[in-house]
Amino acid sequence: MKTKIVLAYSGGLDTSTIVPWLKENYDCEVHCVCVDVGQIKPGESEQIISRAKAIGADSVQIADATKELLEEYIWPMLKSGAVYEDKYLLGTSIARPVIAKKLVDRAKEIGADYIAHGATGKGNDQVRFELTIMALAPEMKIIAPWRIWDIKSREDAYAYCTAHGITLNVSLDKSYSMDENIWHLSHEGLDLEDPANPPQYDKILELSGNPLNAPDEPECLTLEFEKGIPVKLNGVEMGCVELVQALNALGGKHGIGIEDMVENRVVGMKSRGIYETPGGTILFFAHKQLEELCLDRELSGFKRIAALKYADLVYEGKWFSSLREALDKFVDQTQQKVTGEVKLKLYKGNIIPNGTVSKYSLYNQNIASFAMGDIFDPKDAEGFIKLYGLPLKVKAMAEINNGGK
């Protein structure tokens, strides 16, 4: 019986090269799995299947995971408030565990011996894919061609296919390396590899428009959340996919959610990328506005600490770790009363708060008002300040008694 290999297949040059390479080097069956996380456009599935079969794939599966990605991965991340290095909304990172999970599901279904992927040896994705596979199928062997073959570039890959009589409808034009799903679109490479170069937005952007060219009039919207999860846009109840697609369109129209950042990769190097996350940026902003009303100071402060760790776990590919699962229990508890309505204005790349309402709001106007009231007596502050500042006072007195040292 031939060896069976499940390959994470996108239909691009890299994974199209891997199919014949695996067959040549492992005398195997290659079973391609293309996981749709929102990047496959109408009509493209058929093209992906026919292309894979034409180059020798023994089977091709399109696994629809867009809804699963949002409900089981992105919504927990949104509730946590996780943002990597204060900028990155983890668009590529959060999709990798669900993609790898689908690979594992297919491998178990057909009794595969290996799972293969086309992630490069310098990137984060090799870590994310393989950690997920290790967590869900520790017995599974992994093949990462970019770490072991002699192919060093896209030109080499194209030459390999040509030499093996494989015709690809692939261009070798110099284009950005991109990753897309329903949550975001990333761009790396070319002129972006030098941080001194300004981004060429008119050449790069696809989901979002250039903020400088956005409409001159702001646009208002209303988001409603239940226990930290967005459920309505402008009063209309929507499913998760429909809602994010609608916000992507609104945010993109007004140039929302564009980040130009130099990040620290898991593998130890820095890389620069342009990230477009129009809908996600709106949701994170709105969710934070609502939490400002509904969470007390101590809980909010600790949740920010947890969010930093949550972001690291997602970025590093540790979605199926015990710590992430435990943090979700904490996060879910914090979200029990994060329910309400958030109004926003979108204007030339900016999100402007326009009012927030929640029946669980901890904001009490009678206490917060500058007008005197019965609930809070300003005179009480005097004793509080004396006790709160006592350590500072004792320290200063001791220094004076010791000659100012």
Protein backbone atom coordinates (compact mmCIF):
# COMPACT_ATOMS: atom_id res chain seq x y z
CA MET A 1 0.00 0.00 0.00
CA LYS A 2 1.33 3.41 -0.97
CA THR A 3 2.16 6.07 1.60
CA LYS A 4 -0.63 8.60 2.01
CA ILE A 5 0.15 12.29 2.45
CA VAL A 6 -2.35 15.04 3.20
CA LEU A 7 -1.18 18.38 1.78
CA ALA A 8 -2.35 21.85 2.78
CA TYR A 9 -3.11 23.08 -0.73
CA SER A 10 -3.85 26.63 -1.85
CA GLY A 11 -3.58 26.29 -5.61
CA GLY A 12 -0.62 28.66 -5.87
CA LEU A 13 2.84 27.99 -7.22
CA ASP A 14 4.37 26.65 -4.01
CA THR A 15 1.79 23.99 -3.18
CA SER A 16 1.33 23.12 -6.87
CA THR A 17 5.05 22.38 -6.98
CA ILE A 18 4.85 20.29 -3.83
CA VAL A 19 2.32 17.84 -5.30
CA PRO A 20 4.65 16.40 -8.00
CA TRP A 21 7.68 16.74 -5.71
CA LEU A 22 6.01 14.57 -3.06
CA LYS A 23 5.07 11.95 -5.63
CA GLU A 24 8.60 11.88 -6.98
CA ASN A 25 10.32 11.62 -3.61
CA TYR A 26 7.91 9.56 -1.52
CA ASP A 27 6.16 7.28 -4.08
CA CYS A 28 2.89 8.26 -2.47
CA GLU A 29 -0.71 9.28 -2.80
CA VAL A 30 -1.20 13.01 -2.34
CA HIS A 31 -4.54 14.12 -0.92
CA CYS A 32 -4.97 17.88 -1.15
CA VAL A 33 -7.03 19.87 1.34
CA CYS A 34 -7.82 23.49 0.61
CA VAL A 35 -9.37 25.11 3.67
CA ASP A 36 -11.69 27.99 2.85
CA VAL A 37 -11.48 30.62 5.59
CA GLY A 38 -13.08 33.28 3.46
CA GLN A 39 -10.40 33.69 0.79
CA ILE A 40 -12.01 31.59 -1.96
CA LYS A 41 -14.11 33.66 -4.33
CA PRO A 42 -17.23 32.32 -6.13
CA GLY A 43 -16.24 29.94 -8.90
CA GLU A 44 -12.66 29.44 -7.66
CA SER A 45 -13.30 26.11 -5.93
CA GLU A 46 -13.76 24.33 -9.22
CA GLN A 47 -10.54 25.83 -10.55
CA ILE A 48 -8.60 24.75 -7.46
CA ILE A 49 -9.89 21.18 -7.72
CA SER A 50 -9.21 20.83 -11.45
CA ARG A 51 -5.72 22.34 -11.09
CA ALA A 52 -4.77 19.94 -8.30
CA LYS A 53 -6.04 16.91 -10.18
CA ALA A 54 -4.21 18.02 -13.32
CA ILE A 55 -0.86 17.96 -11.52
CA GLY A 56 -1.40 14.54 -9.99
CA ALA A 57 -3.40 14.92 -6.77
CA ASP A 58 -5.19 11.68 -5.86
CA SER A 59 -8.01 13.60 -4.16
CA VAL A 60 -8.93 17.22 -3.53
CA GLN A 61 -11.14 18.47 -0.73
CA ILE A 62 -12.43 22.01 -0.22
CA ALA A 63 -13.13 22.37 3.49
CA ASP A 64 -15.39 25.31 4.36
CA ALA A 65 -14.25 26.71 7.71
CA THR A 66 -15.22 30.39 7.46
CA LYS A 67 -18.06 30.25 10.00
CA GLU A 68 -16.04 27.98 12.27
CA LEU A 69 -13.10 30.39 12.15
CA LEU A 70 -15.27 33.28 13.29
CA GLU A 71 -17.34 31.54 15.95
CA GLU A 72 -14.77 29.22 17.51
CA TYR A 73 -11.53 31.19 17.07
CA ILE A 74 -12.04 34.87 16.26
CA TRP A 75 -14.94 35.57 18.62
CA PRO A 76 -12.99 34.19 21.63
CA MET A 77 -10.00 36.26 20.52
CA LEU A 78 -12.18 39.37 20.15
CA LYS A 79 -13.61 38.89 23.63
CA SER A 80 -10.10 38.53 25.05
CA GLY A 81 -8.95 41.83 23.52
CA ALA A 82 -5.78 40.16 22.18
CA VAL A 83 -3.66 42.42 19.96
CA TYR A 84 -0.09 41.41 19.16
CA GLU A 85 2.51 44.11 19.88
CA ASP A 86 -0.24 46.76 20.17
CA LYS A 87 -1.04 46.66 16.43
CA TYR A 88 -1.62 43.28 14.85
CA LEU A 89 -5.15 41.85 15.06
CA LEU A 90 -3.71 38.38 14.37
CA GLY A 91 -5.46 37.77 11.06
CA THR A 92 -3.07 35.16 9.69
CA SER A 93 -2.22 33.72 13.11
CA ILE A 94 -5.79 32.97 14.17
CA ALA A 95 -6.62 31.12 10.93
CA ARG A 96 -3.73 28.65 11.11
CA PRO A 97 -5.08 26.40 13.88
CA VAL A 98 -8.42 25.84 12.15
CA ILE A 99 -6.62 25.09 8.86
CA ALA A 100 -4.30 22.61 10.57
CA LYS A 101 -7.26 21.04 12.37
CA LYS A 102 -8.95 20.36 9.01
CA LEU A 103 -5.73 18.75 7.77
CA VAL A 104 -5.67 16.49 10.81
CA ASP A 105 -9.35 15.60 10.32
CA ARG A 106 -8.68 14.56 6.72
CA ALA A 107 -5.52 12.66 7.65
CA LYS A 108 -7.39 10.63 10.26
CA GLU A 109 -10.26 10.03 7.87
CA ILE A 110 -8.08 8.42 5.18
CA GLY A 111 -5.42 6.94 7.47
CA ALA A 112 -2.62 9.19 6.19
CA ASP A 113 0.99 8.69 7.17
CA TYR A 114 2.09 12.33 6.79
CA ILE A 115 0.78 15.87 6.70
CA ALA A 116 2.66 18.29 4.46
CA HIS A 117 2.55 22.08 4.25
CA GLY A 118 4.13 24.77 2.12
CA ALA A 119 5.18 27.20 4.85
CA THR A 120 8.69 28.58 4.49
CA GLY A 121 11.56 27.93 6.88
CA LYS A 122 11.78 31.59 7.88
CA GLY A 123 8.14 32.18 8.71
CA ASN A 124 5.78 31.81 11.64
CA ASP A 125 3.31 29.55 9.87
CA GLN A 126 5.50 26.46 10.02
CA VAL A 127 5.38 26.81 13.81
CA ARG A 128 1.63 27.34 13.90
CA PHE A 129 0.78 24.44 11.61
CA GLU A 130 3.09 21.99 13.29
CA LEU A 131 2.19 22.88 16.88
CA THR A 132 -1.48 22.36 16.06
CA ILE A 133 -0.75 19.00 14.40
CA MET A 134 1.35 17.96 17.39
CA ALA A 135 -1.49 18.89 19.75
CA LEU A 136 -4.24 17.10 17.81
CA ALA A 137 -2.33 14.17 16.28
CA PRO A 138 0.96 13.62 18.14
CA GLU A 139 1.63 10.43 16.19
CA MET A 140 1.47 12.20 12.80
CA LYS A 141 4.67 12.75 10.82
CA ILE A 142 5.16 16.13 9.11
CA ILE A 143 6.82 17.06 5.82
CA ALA A 144 7.90 20.67 5.26
CA PRO A 145 9.40 20.73 1.73
CA TRP A 146 10.79 24.25 1.99
CA ARG A 147 13.08 23.04 4.76
CA ILE A 148 14.47 20.03 2.91
CA TRP A 149 14.30 20.37 -0.88
CA ASP A 150 16.78 22.05 -3.23
CA ILE A 151 14.26 24.60 -4.50
CA LYS A 152 15.26 28.06 -3.21
CA SER A 153 12.93 30.48 -5.01
CA ARG A 154 9.71 30.90 -6.97
CA GLU A 155 11.81 30.79 -10.13
CA ASP A 156 13.25 27.43 -9.06
CA ALA A 157 9.76 26.12 -8.35
CA TYR A 158 8.51 27.23 -11.74
CA ALA A 159 11.51 25.60 -13.44
CA TYR A 160 10.85 22.37 -11.54
CA CYS A 161 7.26 22.26 -12.79
CA THR A 162 8.33 23.02 -16.36
CA ALA A 163 10.94 20.25 -16.28
CA HIS A 164 8.26 17.80 -15.15
CA GLY A 165 5.83 18.79 -17.89
CA ILE A 166 3.47 20.59 -15.57
CA THR A 167 1.79 23.67 -16.97
CA LEU A 168 0.70 26.18 -14.35
CA ASN A 169 -1.50 29.18 -14.79
CA VAL A 170 0.83 31.07 -12.48
CA SER A 171 2.62 34.35 -13.08
CA LEU A 172 6.15 35.03 -11.89
CA ASP A 173 5.58 38.77 -11.82
CA LYS A 174 6.91 40.54 -8.79
CA SER A 175 3.94 40.77 -6.46
CA TYR A 176 3.56 41.01 -2.69
CA SER A 177 3.29 37.87 -0.62
CA MET A 178 -0.31 37.95 0.59
CA ASP A 179 -2.48 35.99 2.99
CA GLU A 180 -6.25 36.49 2.99
CA ASN A 181 -9.20 35.31 5.00
CA ILE A 182 -12.51 36.83 6.07
CA TRP A 183 -10.77 38.72 8.90
CA HIS A 184 -7.86 40.34 7.07
CA LEU A 185 -5.44 40.62 4.16
CA SER A 186 -1.68 40.86 4.70
CA HIS A 187 1.09 42.08 2.39
CA GLU A 188 4.82 41.40 2.69
CA GLY A 189 7.92 41.51 0.48
CA LEU A 190 9.22 43.71 -2.33
CA ASP A 191 9.65 47.36 -1.30
CA LEU A 192 8.12 46.64 2.12
CA GLU A 193 11.25 44.72 3.11
CA ASP A 194 12.97 48.06 3.67
CA PRO A 195 11.24 49.87 6.57
CA ALA A 196 12.54 53.17 5.18
CA ASN A 197 10.21 52.88 2.19
CA PRO A 198 6.78 54.46 2.55
CA PRO A 199 3.92 52.08 1.74
CA GLN A 200 2.43 52.46 -1.73
CA TYR A 201 -1.18 52.26 -0.60
CA ASP A 202 -2.66 52.74 -4.06
CA LYS A 203 -0.67 49.71 -5.22
CA ILE A 204 -1.10 47.58 -2.10
CA LEU A 205 -4.57 48.00 -0.65
CA GLU A 206 -7.43 45.72 -1.65
CA LEU A 207 -9.84 45.44 1.29
CA SER A 208 -9.43 49.04 2.45
CA GLY A 209 -9.24 52.21 0.46
CA ASN A 210 -6.60 54.87 0.96
CA PRO A 211 -7.86 56.98 3.91
CA LEU A 212 -6.82 60.15 2.02
CA ASN A 213 -9.31 59.26 -0.71
CA ALA A 214 -12.14 58.21 1.58
CA PRO A 215 -15.52 60.03 1.51
CA ASP A 216 -15.58 63.56 2.87
CA GLU A 217 -18.67 62.80 4.96
CA PRO A 218 -18.56 60.52 8.02
CA GLU A 219 -20.77 57.44 8.17
CA CYS A 220 -22.53 56.33 11.34
CA LEU A 221 -23.15 52.76 12.42
CA THR A 222 -24.50 50.92 15.45
CA LEU A 223 -23.22 47.58 16.76
CA GLU A 224 -24.97 45.46 19.35
CA PHE A 225 -23.20 42.88 21.50
CA GLU A 226 -24.45 40.05 23.68
CA LYS A 227 -21.94 38.73 26.21
CA GLY A 228 -19.09 40.18 24.18
CA ILE A 229 -20.21 38.78 20.83
CA PRO A 230 -21.48 41.08 18.03
CA VAL A 231 -24.99 40.14 16.97
CA LYS A 232 -26.52 43.14 15.20
CA LEU A 233 -25.39 45.84 12.78
CA ASN A 234 -27.59 48.93 12.48
CA GLY A 235 -30.41 47.10 14.23
CA VAL A 236 -30.34 44.11 11.88
CA GLU A 237 -29.51 40.69 13.36
CA MET A 238 -26.82 38.99 11.29
CA GLY A 239 -24.85 35.78 11.23
CA CYS A 240 -21.14 36.09 11.91
CA VAL A 241 -20.04 35.80 8.28
CA GLU A 242 -22.59 38.29 7.00
CA LEU A 243 -21.76 40.75 9.78
CA VAL A 244 -17.99 40.71 9.20
CA GLN A 245 -18.46 41.00 5.43
CA ALA A 246 -20.71 44.03 5.93
CA LEU A 247 -18.20 45.66 8.30
CA ASN A 248 -15.35 44.95 5.89
CA ALA A 249 -17.26 46.83 3.21
CA LEU A 250 -18.06 49.76 5.51
CA GLY A 251 -14.57 49.94 6.98
CA GLY A 252 -12.89 49.53 3.63
CA LYS A 253 -14.93 52.37 2.18
CA HIS A 254 -13.59 54.73 4.86
CA GLY A 255 -9.99 53.49 4.98
CA ILE A 256 -10.33 51.81 8.38
CA GLY A 257 -7.97 49.17 9.74
CA ILE A 258 -4.66 49.64 7.91
CA GLU A 259 -1.54 48.83 9.96
CA ASP A 260 2.05 49.21 8.79
CA MET A 261 4.23 47.43 11.33
CA VAL A 262 7.56 45.79 11.95
CA GLU A 263 6.85 42.77 14.12
CA ASN A 264 8.94 40.26 16.01
CA ARG A 265 8.48 36.81 14.49
CA VAL A 266 8.46 33.63 16.55
CA VAL A 267 11.58 32.41 14.74
CA GLY A 268 13.62 35.35 15.97
CA MET A 269 13.69 37.89 13.16
CA LYS A 270 11.82 41.10 12.47
CA SER A 271 9.54 41.44 9.46
CA ARG A 272 7.51 44.27 8.03
CA GLY A 273 3.98 43.91 6.77
CA ILE A 274 0.90 45.87 5.83
CA TYR A 275 -2.27 44.50 7.38
CA GLU A 276 -5.80 45.34 6.27
CA THR A 277 -8.43 44.48 8.87
CA PRO A 278 -11.34 46.90 8.31
CA GLY A 279 -14.19 44.97 9.92
CA GLY A 280 -12.05 43.53 12.68
CA THR A 281 -10.71 46.94 13.65
CA ILE A 282 -14.25 48.27 14.01
CA LEU A 283 -15.26 45.30 16.15
CA PHE A 284 -12.25 45.57 18.47
CA PHE A 285 -12.86 49.31 18.90
CA ALA A 286 -16.56 48.85 19.62
CA HIS A 287 -15.98 45.96 22.00
CA LYS A 288 -13.48 48.01 23.98
CA GLN A 289 -15.94 50.93 24.19
CA LEU A 290 -18.55 48.62 25.68
CA GLU A 291 -16.13 47.09 28.17
CA GLU A 292 -15.28 50.57 29.43
CA LEU A 293 -18.86 50.78 30.71
CA CYS A 294 -19.33 47.22 31.93
CA LEU A 295 -16.07 46.14 33.60
CA ASP A 296 -14.80 47.50 36.91
CA ARG A 297 -11.29 48.92 37.28
CA GLU A 298 -9.67 45.87 38.87
CA LEU A 299 -11.16 43.37 36.41
CA SER A 300 -10.44 45.56 33.41
CA GLY A 301 -6.83 46.02 34.48
CA PHE A 302 -6.17 42.31 34.93
CA LYS A 303 -7.95 41.48 31.68
CA ARG A 304 -5.50 43.74 29.80
CA ILE A 305 -2.63 41.71 31.26
CA ALA A 306 -4.31 38.46 30.19
CA ALA A 307 -4.89 39.89 26.70
CA LEU A 308 -1.15 40.34 26.20
CA LYS A 309 -0.53 36.67 26.96
CA TYR A 310 -3.51 35.59 24.87
CA ALA A 311 -2.10 37.49 21.88
CA ASP A 312 1.29 35.82 22.30
CA LEU A 313 -0.32 32.38 22.43
CA VAL A 314 -2.26 32.99 19.22
CA TYR A 315 0.76 34.46 17.44
CA GLU A 316 3.02 31.60 18.51
CA GLY A 317 0.62 28.89 17.33
CA LYS A 318 -0.34 27.68 20.82
CA TRP A 319 -4.11 27.81 20.31
CA PHE A 320 -4.59 24.27 21.59
CA SER A 321 -2.57 24.88 24.74
CA SER A 322 -3.93 24.42 28.25
CA LEU A 323 -3.19 28.05 29.06
CA ARG A 324 -5.28 29.39 26.16
CA GLU A 325 -8.16 27.14 27.16
CA ALA A 326 -7.89 28.32 30.77
CA LEU A 327 -7.72 31.96 29.71
CA ASP A 328 -10.93 31.48 27.72
CA LYS A 329 -12.69 30.42 30.92
CA PHE A 330 -11.57 33.66 32.55
CA VAL A 331 -12.47 35.75 29.50
CA ASP A 332 -15.95 34.20 29.23
CA GLN A 333 -16.60 35.11 32.84
CA THR A 334 -15.61 38.73 32.18
CA GLN A 335 -18.05 38.90 29.26
CA GLN A 336 -21.22 37.87 31.08
CA LYS A 337 -22.44 41.47 31.24
CA VAL A 338 -20.66 42.93 28.19
CA THR A 339 -23.99 43.48 26.48
CA GLY A 340 -25.16 46.69 24.89
CA GLU A 341 -25.13 49.07 21.95
CA VAL A 342 -22.17 50.99 20.58
CA LYS A 343 -22.52 53.85 18.11
CA LEU A 344 -19.56 54.90 15.96
CA LYS A 345 -18.63 57.28 13.17
CA LEU A 346 -16.21 56.27 10.41
CA TYR A 347 -14.21 59.05 8.80
CA LYS A 348 -11.03 58.92 6.70
CA GLY A 349 -9.32 56.08 8.56
CA ASN A 350 -10.66 57.11 11.97
CA ILE A 351 -13.23 55.50 14.25
CA ILE A 352 -15.00 58.08 16.39
CA PRO A 353 -17.12 57.08 19.44
CA ASN A 354 -20.71 58.24 19.08
CA GLY A 355 -22.35 56.96 22.26
CA THR A 356 -22.50 53.67 24.19
CA VAL A 357 -25.42 52.16 26.14
CA SER A 358 -25.66 49.07 28.33
CA LYS A 359 -28.16 47.93 30.93
CA TYR A 360 -25.14 46.60 32.83
CA SER A 361 -23.28 49.91 32.77
CA LEU A 362 -21.28 50.68 35.90
CA TYR A 363 -21.26 54.36 35.06
CA ASN A 364 -23.38 56.24 37.60
CA GLN A 365 -24.07 59.81 36.61
CA ASN A 366 -25.07 60.77 40.13
CA ILE A 367 -21.59 59.79 41.35
CA ALA A 368 -19.56 60.96 38.35
CA SER A 369 -21.23 64.35 37.97
CA PHE A 370 -19.35 67.45 39.10
CA ALA A 371 -22.51 68.45 40.89
CA MET A 372 -22.63 67.52 44.57
CA GLY A 373 -24.75 64.48 45.39
CA ASP A 374 -25.75 62.23 48.28
CA ILE A 375 -23.90 59.10 47.13
CA PHE A 376 -20.35 60.45 47.02
CA ASP A 377 -19.12 62.98 49.55
CA PRO A 378 -15.88 64.68 48.33
CA LYS A 379 -14.85 65.17 51.96
CA ASP A 380 -14.31 61.40 52.19
CA ALA A 381 -11.39 61.77 49.80
CA GLU A 382 -9.25 63.48 52.42
CA GLY A 383 -8.92 60.44 54.67
CA PHE A 384 -8.51 58.12 51.68
CA ILE A 385 -5.64 60.18 50.29
CA LYS A 386 -3.87 60.27 53.67
CA LEU A 387 -3.97 56.48 54.00
CA TYR A 388 -3.28 55.80 50.32
CA GLY A 389 -0.24 58.08 50.34
CA LEU A 390 1.07 57.02 53.75
CA PRO A 391 3.90 54.80 52.37
CA LEU A 392 5.18 57.72 50.30
CA LYS A 393 5.09 60.01 53.31
CA VAL A 394 6.87 57.51 55.57
CA LYS A 395 9.58 56.97 52.94
CA ALA A 396 10.16 60.72 52.57
CA MET A 397 10.35 61.20 56.35
CA ALA A 398 12.89 58.39 56.67
CA GLU A 399 15.09 59.94 53.97
CA ILE A 400 14.97 63.32 55.74
CA ASN A 401 15.95 61.71 59.06
CA ASN A 402 18.91 60.04 57.31
CA GLY A 403 20.27 63.22 55.84
CA GLY A 404 18.32 63.09 52.61
CA LYS A 405 19.84 59.77 51.52
